Amino acid sequence: LLQFFALLALCFVSGCFYPVTFFPDSIQTLAAYLPTGIARSQLAESFVGVSHMDGALMLLGYGGVFFGIAVLIRKAKVAFVRG
């Protein structure tokens, strides 16, 4: 349930529901660095025919960071259970 509401908040801020231009400048700059904002801009650029690899690399970076965090948390939980 928490993931669902977090995804809704990220999509709202990143311009999936309303255009990003409706938000203040501070929210617009924040939305450009969120994973949903990067994915939305990457998808919009692919529809237009402009392709940049920086968005894809940033998304892969986000995935790698969160994968690393998940691995560390998993190792800590396993070590705690084993005692």
PDB file of N, CA and C in Angstrom:
ATOM      1  N   LEU A   1       0.824  -1.187   0.000  1.00  0.00           N
ATOM      2  CA  LEU A   1       0.000   0.000   0.000  1.00  0.00           C
ATOM      3  C   LEU A   1       0.873   1.258   0.000  1.00  0.00           C
ATOM      4  N   LEU A   2       1.973   1.198   0.733  1.00  0.00           N
ATOM      5  CA  LEU A   2       2.891   2.332   0.770  1.00  0.00           C
ATOM      6  C   LEU A   2       3.522   2.570  -0.598  1.00  0.00           C
ATOM      7  N   GLN A   3       3.859   1.499  -1.297  1.00  0.00           N
ATOM      8  CA  GLN A   3       4.441   1.639  -2.636  1.00  0.00           C
ATOM      9  C   GLN A   3       3.450   2.298  -3.592  1.00  0.00           C
ATOM     10  N   PHE A   4       2.189   1.949  -3.476  1.00  0.00           N
ATOM     11  CA  PHE A   4       1.167   2.518  -4.352  1.00  0.00           C
ATOM     12  C   PHE A   4       1.049   4.019  -4.150  1.00  0.00           C
ATOM     13  N   PHE A   5       0.969   4.458  -2.902  1.00  0.00           N
ATOM     14  CA  PHE A   5       0.832   5.884  -2.635  1.00  0.00           C
ATOM     15  C   PHE A   5       2.116   6.656  -2.955  1.00  0.00           C
ATOM     16  N   ALA A   6       3.262   6.028  -2.757  1.00  0.00           N
ATOM     17  CA  ALA A   6       4.514   6.672  -3.136  1.00  0.00           C
ATOM     18  C   ALA A   6       4.588   6.834  -4.653  1.00  0.00           C
ATOM     19  N   LEU A   7       4.150   5.832  -5.382  1.00  0.00           N
ATOM     20  CA  LEU A   7       4.132   5.926  -6.842  1.00  0.00           C
ATOM     21  C   LEU A   7       3.164   7.008  -7.309  1.00  0.00           C
ATOM     22  N   LEU A   8       2.005   7.107  -6.681  1.00  0.00           N
ATOM     23  CA  LEU A   8       1.057   8.164  -7.037  1.00  0.00           C
ATOM     24  C   LEU A   8       1.652   9.544  -6.796  1.00  0.00           C
ATOM     25  N   ALA A   9       2.333   9.713  -5.677  1.00  0.00           N
ATOM     26  CA  ALA A   9       2.947  11.008  -5.371  1.00  0.00           C
ATOM     27  C   ALA A   9       4.047  11.339  -6.377  1.00  0.00           C
ATOM     28  N   LEU A  10       4.881  10.365  -6.717  1.00  0.00           N
ATOM     29  CA  LEU A  10       5.949  10.598  -7.691  1.00  0.00           C
ATOM     30  C   LEU A  10       5.380  10.918  -9.072  1.00  0.00           C
ATOM     31  N   CYS A  11       4.338  10.218  -9.470  1.00  0.00           N
ATOM     32  CA  CYS A  11       3.722  10.493 -10.775  1.00  0.00           C
ATOM     33  C   CYS A  11       3.077  11.865 -10.796  1.00  0.00           C
ATOM     34  N   PHE A  12       2.451  12.260  -9.694  1.00  0.00           N
ATOM     35  CA  PHE A  12       1.824  13.580  -9.618  1.00  0.00           C
ATOM     36  C   PHE A  12       2.860  14.683  -9.754  1.00  0.00           C
ATOM     37  N   VAL A  13       3.949  14.563  -9.017  1.00  0.00           N
ATOM     38  CA  VAL A  13       4.991  15.591  -9.033  1.00  0.00           C
ATOM     39  C   VAL A  13       5.746  15.602 -10.361  1.00  0.00           C
ATOM     40  N   SER A  14       5.905  14.445 -10.988  1.00  0.00           N
ATOM     41  CA  SER A  14       6.698  14.353 -12.207  1.00  0.00           C
ATOM     42  C   SER A  14       5.944  14.735 -13.466  1.00  0.00           C
ATOM     43  N   GLY A  15       4.666  15.036 -13.354  1.00  0.00           N
ATOM     44  CA  GLY A  15       3.926  15.510 -14.511  1.00  0.00           C
ATOM     45  C   GLY A  15       3.168  14.450 -15.270  1.00  0.00           C
ATOM     46  N   CYS A  16       2.905  13.326 -14.648  1.00  0.00           N
ATOM     47  CA  CYS A  16       2.124  12.292 -15.333  1.00  0.00           C
ATOM     48  C   CYS A  16       0.632  12.613 -15.323  1.00  0.00           C
ATOM     49  N   PHE A  17       0.147  13.291 -14.299  1.00  0.00           N
ATOM     50  CA  PHE A  17      -1.270  13.635 -14.200  1.00  0.00           C
ATOM     51  C   PHE A  17      -1.550  15.052 -14.682  1.00  0.00           C
ATOM     52  N   TYR A  18      -0.708  15.978 -14.309  1.00  0.00           N
ATOM     53  CA  TYR A  18      -0.809  17.378 -14.720  1.00  0.00           C
ATOM     54  C   TYR A  18       0.515  17.773 -15.372  1.00  0.00           C
ATOM     55  N   PRO A  19       0.502  18.722 -16.284  1.00  0.00           N
ATOM     56  CA  PRO A  19       1.780  19.169 -16.858  1.00  0.00           C
ATOM     57  C   PRO A  19       2.695  19.756 -15.788  1.00  0.00           C
ATOM     58  N   VAL A  20       3.969  19.525 -15.951  1.00  0.00           N
ATOM     59  CA  VAL A  20       4.958  19.981 -14.970  1.00  0.00           C
ATOM     60  C   VAL A  20       4.964  21.500 -14.868  1.00  0.00           C
ATOM     61  N   THR A  21       4.575  22.178 -15.931  1.00  0.00           N
ATOM     62  CA  THR A  21       4.597  23.645 -15.931  1.00  0.00           C
ATOM     63  C   THR A  21       3.590  24.247 -14.962  1.00  0.00           C
ATOM     64  N   PHE A  22       2.640  23.460 -14.468  1.00  0.00           N
ATOM     65  CA  PHE A  22       1.672  23.956 -13.485  1.00  0.00           C
ATOM     66  C   PHE A  22       2.292  24.118 -12.097  1.00  0.00           C
ATOM     67  N   PHE A  23       3.412  23.468 -11.865  1.00  0.00           N
ATOM     68  CA  PHE A  23       4.025  23.459 -10.546  1.00  0.00           C
ATOM     69  C   PHE A  23       5.059  24.578 -10.429  1.00  0.00           C
ATOM     70  N   PRO A  24       5.418  24.944  -9.199  1.00  0.00           N
ATOM     71  CA  PRO A  24       6.464  25.964  -9.008  1.00  0.00           C
ATOM     72  C   PRO A  24       7.817  25.485  -9.538  1.00  0.00           C
ATOM     73  N   ASP A  25       8.738  26.425  -9.706  1.00  0.00           N
ATOM     74  CA  ASP A  25      10.050  26.102 -10.269  1.00  0.00           C
ATOM     75  C   ASP A  25      10.818  25.089  -9.433  1.00  0.00           C
ATOM     76  N   SER A  26      10.687  25.165  -8.116  1.00  0.00           N
ATOM     77  CA  SER A  26      11.407  24.221  -7.258  1.00  0.00           C
ATOM     78  C   SER A  26      10.911  22.793  -7.473  1.00  0.00           C
ATOM     79  N   ILE A  27       9.619  22.621  -7.641  1.00  0.00           N
ATOM     80  CA  ILE A  27       9.060  21.284  -7.893  1.00  0.00           C
ATOM     81  C   ILE A  27       9.467  20.807  -9.286  1.00  0.00           C
ATOM     82  N   GLN A  28       9.538  21.717 -10.239  1.00  0.00           N
ATOM     83  CA  GLN A  28       9.936  21.337 -11.596  1.00  0.00           C
ATOM     84  C   GLN A  28      11.367  20.828 -11.638  1.00  0.00           C
ATOM     85  N   THR A  29      12.263  21.475 -10.897  1.00  0.00           N
ATOM     86  CA  THR A  29      13.646  20.995 -10.877  1.00  0.00           C
ATOM     87  C   THR A  29      13.759  19.674 -10.132  1.00  0.00           C
ATOM     88  N   LEU A  30      12.973  19.501  -9.070  1.00  0.00           N
ATOM     89  CA  LEU A  30      12.973  18.231  -8.349  1.00  0.00           C
ATOM     90  C   LEU A  30      12.429  17.119  -9.235  1.00  0.00           C
ATOM     91  N   ALA A  31      11.364  17.396  -9.974  1.00  0.00           N
ATOM     92  CA  ALA A  31      10.740  16.381 -10.829  1.00  0.00           C
ATOM     93  C   ALA A  31      11.687  15.903 -11.924  1.00  0.00           C
ATOM     94  N   ALA A  32      12.586  16.759 -12.367  1.00  0.00           N
ATOM     95  CA  ALA A  32      13.517  16.368 -13.430  1.00  0.00           C
ATOM     96  C   ALA A  32      14.504  15.301 -12.968  1.00  0.00           C
ATOM     97  N   TYR A  33      14.726  15.159 -11.666  1.00  0.00           N
ATOM     98  CA  TYR A  33      15.693  14.194 -11.144  1.00  0.00           C
ATOM     99  C   TYR A  33      15.044  12.983 -10.488  1.00  0.00           C
ATOM    100  N   LEU A  34      13.709  12.938 -10.426  1.00  0.00           N
ATOM    101  CA  LEU A  34      13.022  11.764  -9.896  1.00  0.00           C
ATOM    102  C   LEU A  34      12.944  10.692 -10.975  1.00  0.00           C
ATOM    103  N   PRO A  35      12.922   9.413 -10.578  1.00  0.00           N
ATOM    104  CA  PRO A  35      12.885   8.355 -11.598  1.00  0.00           C
ATOM    105  C   PRO A  35      11.670   8.450 -12.520  1.00  0.00           C
ATOM    106  N   THR A  36      10.508   8.814 -11.980  1.00  0.00           N
ATOM    107  CA  THR A  36       9.324   8.913 -12.830  1.00  0.00           C
ATOM    108  C   THR A  36       9.431  10.093 -13.788  1.00  0.00           C
ATOM    109  N   GLY A  37      10.050  11.175 -13.365  1.00  0.00           N
ATOM    110  CA  GLY A  37      10.256  12.316 -14.248  1.00  0.00           C
ATOM    111  C   GLY A  37      11.229  11.998 -15.366  1.00  0.00           C
ATOM    112  N   ILE A  38      12.275  11.268 -15.036  1.00  0.00           N
ATOM    113  CA  ILE A  38      13.255  10.868 -16.053  1.00  0.00           C
ATOM    114  C   ILE A  38      12.604   9.926 -17.059  1.00  0.00           C
ATOM    115  N   ALA A  39      11.831   8.963 -16.563  1.00  0.00           N
ATOM    116  CA  ALA A  39      11.172   8.015 -17.463  1.00  0.00           C
ATOM    117  C   ALA A  39      10.141   8.713 -18.343  1.00  0.00           C
ATOM    118  N   ARG A  40       9.390   9.661 -17.780  1.00  0.00           N
ATOM    119  CA  ARG A  40       8.390  10.385 -18.552  1.00  0.00           C
ATOM    120  C   ARG A  40       9.059  11.210 -19.653  1.00  0.00           C
ATOM    121  N   SER A  41      10.137  11.908 -19.320  1.00  0.00           N
ATOM    122  CA  SER A  41      10.822  12.710 -20.333  1.00  0.00           C
ATOM    123  C   SER A  41      11.485  11.823 -21.384  1.00  0.00           C
ATOM    124  N   GLN A  42      12.018  10.681 -20.984  1.00  0.00           N
ATOM    125  CA  GLN A  42      12.617   9.746 -21.931  1.00  0.00           C
ATOM    126  C   GLN A  42      11.556   9.215 -22.893  1.00  0.00           C
ATOM    127  N   LEU A  43      10.377   8.899 -22.383  1.00  0.00           N
ATOM    128  CA  LEU A  43       9.293   8.415 -23.232  1.00  0.00           C
ATOM    129  C   LEU A  43       8.801   9.508 -24.174  1.00  0.00           C
ATOM    130  N   ALA A  44       8.670  10.728 -23.669  1.00  0.00           N
ATOM    131  CA  ALA A  44       8.237  11.842 -24.513  1.00  0.00           C
ATOM    132  C   ALA A  44       9.255  12.119 -25.617  1.00  0.00           C
ATOM    133  N   GLU A  45      10.543  12.033 -25.297  1.00  0.00           N
ATOM    134  CA  GLU A  45      11.575  12.250 -26.304  1.00  0.00           C
ATOM    135  C   GLU A  45      11.571  11.144 -27.355  1.00  0.00           C
ATOM    136  N   SER A  46      11.264   9.929 -26.954  1.00  0.00           N
ATOM    137  CA  SER A  46      11.229   8.846 -27.938  1.00  0.00           C
ATOM    138  C   SER A  46      10.034   8.989 -28.880  1.00  0.00           C
ATOM    139  N   PHE A  47       8.924   9.571 -28.411  1.00  0.00           N
ATOM    140  CA  PHE A  47       7.787   9.815 -29.295  1.00  0.00           C
ATOM    141  C   PHE A  47       8.117  10.871 -30.343  1.00  0.00           C
ATOM    142  N   VAL A  48       8.899  11.859 -29.962  1.00  0.00           N
ATOM    143  CA  VAL A  48       9.265  12.926 -30.872  1.00  0.00           C
ATOM    144  C   VAL A  48      10.357  12.456 -31.847  1.00  0.00           C
ATOM    145  N   GLY A  49      11.132  11.494 -31.439  1.00  0.00           N
ATOM    146  CA  GLY A  49      12.195  10.983 -32.284  1.00  0.00           C
ATOM    147  C   GLY A  49      13.574  11.387 -31.820  1.00  0.00           C
ATOM    148  N   VAL A  50      13.655  12.097 -30.709  1.00  0.00           N
ATOM    149  CA  VAL A  50      14.932  12.500 -30.141  1.00  0.00           C
ATOM    150  C   VAL A  50      15.317  11.461 -29.099  1.00  0.00           C
ATOM    151  N   SER A  51      16.494  10.908 -29.223  1.00  0.00           N
ATOM    152  CA  SER A  51      16.921   9.870 -28.291  1.00  0.00           C
ATOM    153  C   SER A  51      18.212  10.295 -27.605  1.00  0.00           C
ATOM    154  N   HIS A  52      18.172  10.335 -26.280  1.00  0.00           N
ATOM    155  CA  HIS A  52      19.357  10.638 -25.480  1.00  0.00           C
ATOM    156  C   HIS A  52      19.592   9.478 -24.532  1.00  0.00           C
ATOM    157  N   MET A  53      20.828   9.103 -24.398  1.00  0.00           N
ATOM    158  CA  MET A  53      21.170   7.985 -23.523  1.00  0.00           C
ATOM    159  C   MET A  53      21.306   8.399 -22.066  1.00  0.00           C
ATOM    160  N   ASP A  54      21.379   9.689 -21.781  1.00  0.00           N
ATOM    161  CA  ASP A  54      21.580  10.113 -20.405  1.00  0.00           C
ATOM    162  C   ASP A  54      20.395   9.732 -19.527  1.00  0.00           C
ATOM    163  N   GLY A  55      19.182   9.811 -20.031  1.00  0.00           N
ATOM    164  CA  GLY A  55      18.008   9.418 -19.255  1.00  0.00           C
ATOM    165  C   GLY A  55      18.017   7.932 -18.936  1.00  0.00           C
ATOM    166  N   ALA A  56      18.365   7.120 -19.932  1.00  0.00           N
ATOM    167  CA  ALA A  56      18.425   5.675 -19.716  1.00  0.00           C
ATOM    168  C   ALA A  56      19.525   5.327 -18.724  1.00  0.00           C
ATOM    169  N   LEU A  57      20.646   6.021 -18.821  1.00  0.00           N
ATOM    170  CA  LEU A  57      21.741   5.749 -17.875  1.00  0.00           C
ATOM    171  C   LEU A  57      21.373   6.168 -16.456  1.00  0.00           C
ATOM    172  N   MET A  58      20.654   7.269 -16.330  1.00  0.00           N
ATOM    173  CA  MET A  58      20.220   7.693 -14.998  1.00  0.00           C
ATOM    174  C   MET A  58      19.229   6.689 -14.402  1.00  0.00           C
ATOM    175  N   LEU A  59      18.325   6.159 -15.230  1.00  0.00           N
ATOM    176  CA  LEU A  59      17.393   5.142 -14.740  1.00  0.00           C
ATOM    177  C   LEU A  59      18.118   3.862 -14.338  1.00  0.00           C
ATOM    178  N   LEU A  60      19.115   3.473 -15.120  1.00  0.00           N
ATOM    179  CA  LEU A  60      19.921   2.309 -14.740  1.00  0.00           C
ATOM    180  C   LEU A  60      20.687   2.571 -13.449  1.00  0.00           C
ATOM    181  N   GLY A  61      21.151   3.797 -13.267  1.00  0.00           N
ATOM    182  CA  GLY A  61      21.828   4.164 -12.029  1.00  0.00           C
ATOM    183  C   GLY A  61      20.904   4.065 -10.828  1.00  0.00           C
ATOM    184  N   TYR A  62      19.678   4.589 -10.981  1.00  0.00           N
ATOM    185  CA  TYR A  62      18.693   4.450  -9.904  1.00  0.00           C
ATOM    186  C   TYR A  62      18.447   2.979  -9.575  1.00  0.00           C
ATOM    187  N   GLY A  63      18.283   2.178 -10.614  1.00  0.00           N
ATOM    188  CA  GLY A  63      18.053   0.748 -10.401  1.00  0.00           C
ATOM    189  C   GLY A  63      19.214   0.086  -9.684  1.00  0.00           C
ATOM    190  N   GLY A  64      20.428   0.430 -10.076  1.00  0.00           N
ATOM    191  CA  GLY A  64      21.611  -0.130  -9.428  1.00  0.00           C
ATOM    192  C   GLY A  64      21.741   0.275  -7.971  1.00  0.00           C
ATOM    193  N   VAL A  65      21.458   1.543  -7.689  1.00  0.00           N
ATOM    194  CA  VAL A  65      21.535   2.026  -6.303  1.00  0.00           C
ATOM    195  C   VAL A  65      20.517   1.307  -5.430  1.00  0.00           C
ATOM    196  N   PHE A  66      19.277   1.219  -5.904  1.00  0.00           N
ATOM    197  CA  PHE A  66      18.254   0.567  -5.093  1.00  0.00           C
ATOM    198  C   PHE A  66      18.469  -0.946  -5.001  1.00  0.00           C
ATOM    199  N   PHE A  67      19.047  -1.553  -6.030  1.00  0.00           N
ATOM    200  CA  PHE A  67      19.404  -2.965  -5.951  1.00  0.00           C
ATOM    201  C   PHE A  67      20.483  -3.187  -4.895  1.00  0.00           C
ATOM    202  N   GLY A  68      21.479  -2.310  -4.879  1.00  0.00           N
ATOM    203  CA  GLY A  68      22.529  -2.416  -3.870  1.00  0.00           C
ATOM    204  C   GLY A  68      21.995  -2.249  -2.455  1.00  0.00           C
ATOM    205  N   ILE A  69      21.084  -1.306  -2.282  1.00  0.00           N
ATOM    206  CA  ILE A  69      20.467  -1.114  -0.962  1.00  0.00           C
ATOM    207  C   ILE A  69      19.689  -2.357  -0.554  1.00  0.00           C
ATOM    208  N   ALA A  70      18.942  -2.944  -1.499  1.00  0.00           N
ATOM    209  CA  ALA A  70      18.173  -4.153  -1.198  1.00  0.00           C
ATOM    210  C   ALA A  70      19.079  -5.313  -0.814  1.00  0.00           C
ATOM    211  N   VAL A  71      20.220  -5.444  -1.489  1.00  0.00           N
ATOM    212  CA  VAL A  71      21.163  -6.513  -1.165  1.00  0.00           C
ATOM    213  C   VAL A  71      21.732  -6.314   0.238  1.00  0.00           C
ATOM    214  N   LEU A  72      22.089  -5.087   0.567  1.00  0.00           N
ATOM    215  CA  LEU A  72      22.633  -4.818   1.910  1.00  0.00           C
ATOM    216  C   LEU A  72      21.597  -5.080   3.000  1.00  0.00           C
ATOM    217  N   ILE A  73      20.368  -4.681   2.771  1.00  0.00           N
ATOM    218  CA  ILE A  73      19.308  -4.928   3.762  1.00  0.00           C
ATOM    219  C   ILE A  73      19.069  -6.428   3.913  1.00  0.00           C
ATOM    220  N   ARG A  74      19.070  -7.144   2.794  1.00  0.00           N
ATOM    221  CA  ARG A  74      18.865  -8.592   2.846  1.00  0.00           C
ATOM    222  C   ARG A  74      19.980  -9.272   3.615  1.00  0.00           C
ATOM    223  N   LYS A  75      21.223  -8.857   3.373  1.00  0.00           N
ATOM    224  CA  LYS A  75      22.347  -9.453   4.106  1.00  0.00           C
ATOM    225  C   LYS A  75      22.244  -9.175   5.598  1.00  0.00           C
ATOM    226  N   ALA A  76      21.829  -7.974   5.957  1.00  0.00           N
ATOM    227  CA  ALA A  76      21.688  -7.629   7.371  1.00  0.00           C
ATOM    228  C   ALA A  76      20.588  -8.460   8.025  1.00  0.00           C
ATOM    229  N   LYS A  77      19.487  -8.679   7.319  1.00  0.00           N
ATOM    230  CA  LYS A  77      18.383  -9.484   7.877  1.00  0.00           C
ATOM    231  C   LYS A  77      18.802 -10.941   8.041  1.00  0.00           C
ATOM    232  N   VAL A  78      19.504 -11.472   7.063  1.00  0.00           N
ATOM    233  CA  VAL A  78      19.962 -12.860   7.155  1.00  0.00           C
ATOM    234  C   VAL A  78      20.958 -13.009   8.292  1.00  0.00           C
ATOM    235  N   ALA A  79      21.859 -12.075   8.447  1.00  0.00           N
ATOM    236  CA  ALA A  79      22.838 -12.124   9.541  1.00  0.00           C
ATOM    237  C   ALA A  79      22.151 -12.005  10.892  1.00  0.00           C
ATOM    238  N   PHE A  80      21.089 -11.223  10.970  1.00  0.00           N
ATOM    239  CA  PHE A  80      20.375 -11.068  12.234  1.00  0.00           C
ATOM    240  C   PHE A  80      19.629 -12.352  12.604  1.00  0.00           C
ATOM    241  N   VAL A  81      19.043 -13.029  11.617  1.00  0.00           N
ATOM    242  CA  VAL A  81      18.310 -14.260  11.885  1.00  0.00           C
ATOM    243  C   VAL A  81      19.246 -15.377  12.297  1.00  0.00           C
ATOM    244  N   ARG A  82      20.401 -15.437  11.659  1.00  0.00           N
ATOM    245  CA  ARG A  82      21.375 -16.479  11.999  1.00  0.00           C
ATOM    246  C   ARG A  82      22.009 -16.259  13.361  1.00  0.00           C
ATOM    247  N   GLY A  83      21.993 -15.023  13.811  1.00  0.00           N
ATOM    248  CA  GLY A  83      22.479 -14.724  15.136  1.00  0.00           C
ATOM    249  C   GLY A  83      23.886 -14.500  15.220  1.00  0.00           C
TER     250      GLY A  83
END
